[in-house]
Amino acid sequence: GPGTKDGFSAVRMAPMKAIRAHEFGGPEVLRYDDMPEPAPGPGQVRVRLHAAGVNPFDTYMLSGTYAIKPPLPYSPGADGAGVVEAVGDGVTGLSVGDRVYTGGTADHQSFGAYRQVVLCRESQVHALPARVSFSEGAAVNVPCVTAYRALRYGRHRDLIVTGQHSYRSQDPTDHPELEKLGGDEFLGMFPE
């Protein structure tokens, strides 16, 4: 179609900004780099992020001491929220203009989100209700999956939940358990 080549959206010529680590260490090793904006391939979604989440394992990875050691240079961050800008061939559940939150990127499930624009697999992108801000959406993935796993697999069943009372569950049969905590909306399913 117009503006595409071989079924893919054309890469924008303007560079995007990305926070990247070119070596392992503390926050002082992070750089604000220019990168070309990516074009989505088959099954991929390009999202312009308005917010990115910061999680403890981001700092562990940055230090080089975490079990996952990204190839350098890399962009930290797994979570984000923004607006779908383009979709690759085969993407059927999302459209340009959709408000979404992301859990992982096409780079990796655990990094790549500290960029203005990210590529994700369709399964990593979920609808963000209009009443949930981008900042709140960027805090959905890792914190909610952590809370879910604490409830499901933890020794203790006590959990303090604050905020929007929205949860993300891997299994729809878990929704009644999460509803007991005060959940009134489930933002998406977490694929196996």
C-alpha atoms as a PDB file:
ATOM      1  CA  GLY A   1       0.000   0.000   0.000  1.00  0.00           C
ATOM      2  CA  PRO A   2       0.998   3.667   0.056  1.00  0.00           C
ATOM      3  CA  GLY A   3       4.010   4.373   2.262  1.00  0.00           C
ATOM      4  CA  THR A   4       4.992   0.719   2.459  1.00  0.00           C
ATOM      5  CA  LYS A   5       7.551  -1.413   0.743  1.00  0.00           C
ATOM      6  CA  ASP A   6       7.179  -5.187   0.553  1.00  0.00           C
ATOM      7  CA  GLY A   7       4.304  -5.034   3.054  1.00  0.00           C
ATOM      8  CA  PHE A   8       6.264  -3.195   5.759  1.00  0.00           C
ATOM      9  CA  SER A   9       5.912   0.380   6.940  1.00  0.00           C
ATOM     10  CA  ALA A  10       8.761   2.610   5.846  1.00  0.00           C
ATOM     11  CA  VAL A  11      11.320   3.628   8.472  1.00  0.00           C
ATOM     12  CA  ARG A  12      11.047   7.288   9.408  1.00  0.00           C
ATOM     13  CA  MET A  13      14.084   9.312   8.486  1.00  0.00           C
ATOM     14  CA  ALA A  14      14.066  11.364  11.693  1.00  0.00           C
ATOM     15  CA  PRO A  15      16.069   9.782  14.502  1.00  0.00           C
ATOM     16  CA  MET A  16      14.469   8.852  17.795  1.00  0.00           C
ATOM     17  CA  LYS A  17      16.043   9.183  21.222  1.00  0.00           C
ATOM     18  CA  ALA A  18      17.021   6.145  23.254  1.00  0.00           C
ATOM     19  CA  ILE A  19      18.628   5.669  26.637  1.00  0.00           C
ATOM     20  CA  ARG A  20      21.329   3.042  26.152  1.00  0.00           C
ATOM     21  CA  ALA A  21      24.135   1.422  28.085  1.00  0.00           C
ATOM     22  CA  HIS A  22      27.385   0.891  26.188  1.00  0.00           C
ATOM     23  CA  GLU A  23      28.985  -0.785  29.217  1.00  0.00           C
ATOM     24  CA  PHE A  24      27.762  -2.240  32.510  1.00  0.00           C
ATOM     25  CA  GLY A  25      27.762  -0.135  35.672  1.00  0.00           C
ATOM     26  CA  GLY A  26      25.581   2.382  37.469  1.00  0.00           C
ATOM     27  CA  PRO A  27      23.311   5.079  36.036  1.00  0.00           C
ATOM     28  CA  GLU A  28      26.377   7.088  34.994  1.00  0.00           C
ATOM     29  CA  VAL A  29      26.974   4.662  32.077  1.00  0.00           C
ATOM     30  CA  LEU A  30      23.626   5.487  30.457  1.00  0.00           C
ATOM     31  CA  ARG A  31      23.719   7.677  27.339  1.00  0.00           C
ATOM     32  CA  TYR A  32      21.015   9.576  25.495  1.00  0.00           C
ATOM     33  CA  ASP A  33      21.583   8.338  21.934  1.00  0.00           C
ATOM     34  CA  ASP A  34      20.013   8.975  18.533  1.00  0.00           C
ATOM     35  CA  MET A  35      18.792   5.871  16.706  1.00  0.00           C
ATOM     36  CA  PRO A  36      16.754   5.349  13.538  1.00  0.00           C
ATOM     37  CA  GLU A  37      13.077   4.614  14.157  1.00  0.00           C
ATOM     38  CA  PRO A  38      12.327   0.947  13.479  1.00  0.00           C
ATOM     39  CA  ALA A  39       9.821  -0.471  11.009  1.00  0.00           C
ATOM     40  CA  PRO A  40       7.654  -3.369  12.185  1.00  0.00           C
ATOM     41  CA  GLY A  41       8.183  -6.764  10.635  1.00  0.00           C
ATOM     42  CA  PRO A  42       5.553  -9.493  10.372  1.00  0.00           C
ATOM     43  CA  GLY A  43       3.657  -9.905  13.658  1.00  0.00           C
ATOM     44  CA  GLN A  44       5.255  -6.784  15.161  1.00  0.00           C
ATOM     45  CA  VAL A  45       3.790  -3.537  16.453  1.00  0.00           C
ATOM     46  CA  ARG A  46       5.557  -0.154  16.588  1.00  0.00           C
ATOM     47  CA  VAL A  47       4.575   1.850  19.671  1.00  0.00           C
ATOM     48  CA  ARG A  48       5.503   5.480  20.401  1.00  0.00           C
ATOM     49  CA  LEU A  49       6.009   5.427  24.161  1.00  0.00           C
ATOM     50  CA  HIS A  50       4.724   8.196  26.402  1.00  0.00           C
ATOM     51  CA  ALA A  51       6.052   6.536  29.575  1.00  0.00           C
ATOM     52  CA  ALA A  52       8.452   3.734  30.496  1.00  0.00           C
ATOM     53  CA  GLY A  53       8.452   1.749  33.728  1.00  0.00           C
ATOM     54  CA  VAL A  54      11.505   1.415  35.964  1.00  0.00           C
ATOM     55  CA  ASN A  55      11.841  -1.876  37.817  1.00  0.00           C
ATOM     56  CA  PRO A  56      14.506  -3.237  40.202  1.00  0.00           C
ATOM     57  CA  PHE A  57      15.787  -5.813  37.712  1.00  0.00           C
ATOM     58  CA  ASP A  58      16.564  -2.957  35.280  1.00  0.00           C
ATOM     59  CA  THR A  59      19.279  -1.810  37.702  1.00  0.00           C
ATOM     60  CA  TYR A  60      20.544  -5.363  38.262  1.00  0.00           C
ATOM     61  CA  MET A  61      20.856  -5.880  34.501  1.00  0.00           C
ATOM     62  CA  LEU A  62      22.589  -2.519  34.103  1.00  0.00           C
ATOM     63  CA  SER A  63      25.163  -3.505  36.732  1.00  0.00           C
ATOM     64  CA  GLY A  64      25.960  -6.691  34.814  1.00  0.00           C
ATOM     65  CA  THR A  65      25.190  -8.885  37.848  1.00  0.00           C
ATOM     66  CA  TYR A  66      21.749 -10.174  36.801  1.00  0.00           C
ATOM     67  CA  ALA A  67      21.159 -13.616  35.281  1.00  0.00           C
ATOM     68  CA  ILE A  68      20.188 -11.894  32.005  1.00  0.00           C
ATOM     69  CA  LYS A  69      23.169 -10.054  30.521  1.00  0.00           C
ATOM     70  CA  PRO A  70      22.080  -8.038  27.472  1.00  0.00           C
ATOM     71  CA  PRO A  71      24.398  -7.523  24.511  1.00  0.00           C
ATOM     72  CA  LEU A  72      25.940  -4.049  24.535  1.00  0.00           C
ATOM     73  CA  PRO A  73      24.819  -1.471  23.696  1.00  0.00           C
ATOM     74  CA  TYR A  74      21.259  -2.006  24.896  1.00  0.00           C
ATOM     75  CA  SER A  75      18.262  -0.033  26.175  1.00  0.00           C
ATOM     76  CA  PRO A  76      17.066  -1.054  29.649  1.00  0.00           C
ATOM     77  CA  GLY A  77      13.404  -1.368  30.585  1.00  0.00           C
ATOM     78  CA  ALA A  78      10.695  -3.943  29.956  1.00  0.00           C
ATOM     79  CA  ASP A  79       7.539  -1.891  30.503  1.00  0.00           C
ATOM     80  CA  GLY A  80       6.018   1.036  28.643  1.00  0.00           C
ATOM     81  CA  ALA A  81       2.799   2.695  27.544  1.00  0.00           C
ATOM     82  CA  GLY A  82       1.942   4.737  24.491  1.00  0.00           C
ATOM     83  CA  VAL A  83       0.172   4.722  21.147  1.00  0.00           C
ATOM     84  CA  VAL A  84       0.400   2.236  18.268  1.00  0.00           C
ATOM     85  CA  GLU A  85       2.027   3.933  15.264  1.00  0.00           C
ATOM     86  CA  ALA A  86       2.283   1.034  12.818  1.00  0.00           C
ATOM     87  CA  VAL A  87       1.644  -2.686  12.567  1.00  0.00           C
ATOM     88  CA  GLY A  88       3.371  -5.379  10.547  1.00  0.00           C
ATOM     89  CA  ASP A  89       1.732  -7.976   8.350  1.00  0.00           C
ATOM     90  CA  GLY A  90      -0.373 -10.467  10.277  1.00  0.00           C
ATOM     91  CA  VAL A  91      -1.200  -8.192  13.220  1.00  0.00           C
ATOM     92  CA  THR A  92      -4.964  -8.385  13.669  1.00  0.00           C
ATOM     93  CA  GLY A  93      -5.753  -7.353  17.251  1.00  0.00           C
ATOM     94  CA  LEU A  94      -4.288  -3.840  17.227  1.00  0.00           C
ATOM     95  CA  SER A  95      -4.670  -0.742  15.077  1.00  0.00           C
ATOM     96  CA  VAL A  96      -2.802   2.502  14.510  1.00  0.00           C
ATOM     97  CA  GLY A  97      -3.916   4.983  17.192  1.00  0.00           C
ATOM     98  CA  ASP A  98      -4.692   2.384  19.899  1.00  0.00           C
ATOM     99  CA  ARG A  99      -3.636   3.322  23.456  1.00  0.00           C
ATOM    100  CA  VAL A 100      -1.571   0.427  24.817  1.00  0.00           C
ATOM    101  CA  TYR A 101       0.820  -0.795  27.474  1.00  0.00           C
ATOM    102  CA  THR A 102       3.733  -3.086  26.684  1.00  0.00           C
ATOM    103  CA  GLY A 103       5.428  -5.945  28.492  1.00  0.00           C
ATOM    104  CA  GLY A 104       8.783  -6.517  26.858  1.00  0.00           C
ATOM    105  CA  THR A 105      10.001  -5.573  23.404  1.00  0.00           C
ATOM    106  CA  ALA A 106      11.007  -7.375  20.228  1.00  0.00           C
ATOM    107  CA  ASP A 107      14.597  -7.025  21.534  1.00  0.00           C
ATOM    108  CA  HIS A 108      13.823  -9.122  24.631  1.00  0.00           C
ATOM    109  CA  GLN A 109      11.103  -9.748  27.212  1.00  0.00           C
ATOM    110  CA  SER A 110      13.235  -7.932  29.821  1.00  0.00           C
ATOM    111  CA  PHE A 111      14.776  -4.930  28.050  1.00  0.00           C
ATOM    112  CA  GLY A 112      14.542  -2.463  25.163  1.00  0.00           C
ATOM    113  CA  ALA A 113      11.853  -0.026  26.386  1.00  0.00           C
ATOM    114  CA  TYR A 114      13.894   3.083  27.248  1.00  0.00           C
ATOM    115  CA  ARG A 115      13.300   4.478  23.770  1.00  0.00           C
ATOM    116  CA  GLN A 116      10.844   6.889  22.231  1.00  0.00           C
ATOM    117  CA  VAL A 117       9.661   4.158  19.857  1.00  0.00           C
ATOM    118  CA  VAL A 118       9.721   0.401  20.442  1.00  0.00           C
ATOM    119  CA  LEU A 119       8.952  -2.680  18.406  1.00  0.00           C
ATOM    120  CA  CYS A 120       7.006  -5.408  20.178  1.00  0.00           C
ATOM    121  CA  ARG A 121       5.489  -8.738  19.267  1.00  0.00           C
ATOM    122  CA  GLU A 122       1.697  -8.430  19.116  1.00  0.00           C
ATOM    123  CA  SER A 123       1.448 -10.657  22.228  1.00  0.00           C
ATOM    124  CA  GLN A 124       3.479  -8.073  24.215  1.00  0.00           C
ATOM    125  CA  VAL A 125       1.036  -5.207  23.533  1.00  0.00           C
ATOM    126  CA  HIS A 126      -2.235  -4.792  25.441  1.00  0.00           C
ATOM    127  CA  ALA A 127      -5.123  -2.316  25.373  1.00  0.00           C
ATOM    128  CA  LEU A 128      -4.864   0.555  27.869  1.00  0.00           C
ATOM    129  CA  PRO A 129      -8.260   1.863  29.040  1.00  0.00           C
ATOM    130  CA  ALA A 130      -8.775   5.607  28.528  1.00  0.00           C
ATOM    131  CA  ARG A 131      -9.142   6.180  32.282  1.00  0.00           C
ATOM    132  CA  VAL A 132      -5.628   4.783  32.917  1.00  0.00           C
ATOM    133  CA  SER A 133      -2.784   7.269  32.314  1.00  0.00           C
ATOM    134  CA  PHE A 134       0.302   6.355  30.309  1.00  0.00           C
ATOM    135  CA  SER A 135       2.379   6.595  33.517  1.00  0.00           C
ATOM    136  CA  GLU A 136       0.056   4.124  35.240  1.00  0.00           C
ATOM    137  CA  GLY A 137       0.069   1.893  32.166  1.00  0.00           C
ATOM    138  CA  ALA A 138       3.867   1.750  32.191  1.00  0.00           C
ATOM    139  CA  ALA A 139       3.623   0.327  35.720  1.00  0.00           C
ATOM    140  CA  VAL A 140       1.257  -2.533  34.850  1.00  0.00           C
ATOM    141  CA  ASN A 141       3.418  -5.366  33.509  1.00  0.00           C
ATOM    142  CA  VAL A 142       6.201  -6.301  35.956  1.00  0.00           C
ATOM    143  CA  PRO A 143       4.527  -5.031  39.174  1.00  0.00           C
ATOM    144  CA  CYS A 144       1.219  -6.756  38.438  1.00  0.00           C
ATOM    145  CA  VAL A 145       2.814 -10.004  37.297  1.00  0.00           C
ATOM    146  CA  THR A 146       4.905  -9.924  40.496  1.00  0.00           C
ATOM    147  CA  ALA A 147       1.762  -9.412  42.611  1.00  0.00           C
ATOM    148  CA  TYR A 148      -0.029 -12.186  40.736  1.00  0.00           C
ATOM    149  CA  ARG A 149       2.821 -14.630  41.277  1.00  0.00           C
ATOM    150  CA  ALA A 150       3.050 -13.678  44.950  1.00  0.00           C
ATOM    151  CA  LEU A 151      -0.639 -14.531  45.335  1.00  0.00           C
ATOM    152  CA  ARG A 152      -0.547 -17.646  43.212  1.00  0.00           C
ATOM    153  CA  TYR A 153       2.741 -19.226  44.238  1.00  0.00           C
ATOM    154  CA  GLY A 154       3.793 -17.432  47.415  1.00  0.00           C
ATOM    155  CA  ARG A 155       3.728 -18.962  50.868  1.00  0.00           C
ATOM    156  CA  HIS A 156       1.651 -16.116  52.235  1.00  0.00           C
ATOM    157  CA  ARG A 157      -1.607 -14.837  50.819  1.00  0.00           C
ATOM    158  CA  ASP A 158      -1.323 -11.292  52.168  1.00  0.00           C
ATOM    159  CA  LEU A 159      -0.771  -8.558  49.631  1.00  0.00           C
ATOM    160  CA  ILE A 160      -1.338  -4.822  49.846  1.00  0.00           C
ATOM    161  CA  VAL A 161      -2.795  -3.439  46.631  1.00  0.00           C
ATOM    162  CA  THR A 162      -3.016   0.290  45.913  1.00  0.00           C
ATOM    163  CA  GLY A 163      -4.002   2.395  42.936  1.00  0.00           C
ATOM    164  CA  GLN A 164      -6.406   1.574  40.135  1.00  0.00           C
ATOM    165  CA  HIS A 165      -7.284  -1.969  41.270  1.00  0.00           C
ATOM    166  CA  SER A 166      -6.486  -3.370  37.846  1.00  0.00           C
ATOM    167  CA  TYR A 167      -4.678  -6.661  37.500  1.00  0.00           C
ATOM    168  CA  ARG A 168      -3.102  -8.726  34.793  1.00  0.00           C
ATOM    169  CA  SER A 169      -3.575 -12.491  34.948  1.00  0.00           C
ATOM    170  CA  GLN A 170      -2.215 -15.397  32.979  1.00  0.00           C
ATOM    171  CA  ASP A 171      -5.274 -17.538  33.578  1.00  0.00           C
ATOM    172  CA  PRO A 172      -8.901 -16.325  33.455  1.00  0.00           C
ATOM    173  CA  THR A 173      -9.778 -18.812  36.218  1.00  0.00           C
ATOM    174  CA  ASP A 174      -7.652 -16.649  38.551  1.00  0.00           C
ATOM    175  CA  HIS A 175      -9.879 -13.597  38.077  1.00  0.00           C
ATOM    176  CA  PRO A 176     -12.235 -14.526  40.978  1.00  0.00           C
ATOM    177  CA  GLU A 177      -9.208 -14.739  43.306  1.00  0.00           C
ATOM    178  CA  LEU A 178      -8.003 -11.332  42.155  1.00  0.00           C
ATOM    179  CA  GLU A 179     -11.521  -9.882  42.372  1.00  0.00           C
ATOM    180  CA  LYS A 180     -11.484 -10.709  46.094  1.00  0.00           C
ATOM    181  CA  LEU A 181      -8.652  -8.163  46.382  1.00  0.00           C
ATOM    182  CA  GLY A 182     -10.886  -5.471  44.945  1.00  0.00           C
ATOM    183  CA  GLY A 183     -10.073  -5.854  41.268  1.00  0.00           C
ATOM    184  CA  ASP A 184     -12.788  -4.600  38.994  1.00  0.00           C
ATOM    185  CA  GLU A 185     -11.012  -4.679  35.625  1.00  0.00           C
ATOM    186  CA  PHE A 186      -8.438  -6.894  33.985  1.00  0.00           C
ATOM    187  CA  LEU A 187      -6.235  -5.107  31.462  1.00  0.00           C
ATOM    188  CA  GLY A 188      -5.178  -8.098  29.432  1.00  0.00           C
ATOM    189  CA  MET A 189      -4.114 -11.684  29.316  1.00  0.00           C
ATOM    190  CA  PHE A 190      -0.490 -12.682  29.795  1.00  0.00           C
ATOM    191  CA  PRO A 191       0.335 -15.309  27.159  1.00  0.00           C
ATOM    192  CA  GLU A 192       2.196 -18.480  28.150  1.00  0.00           C
END
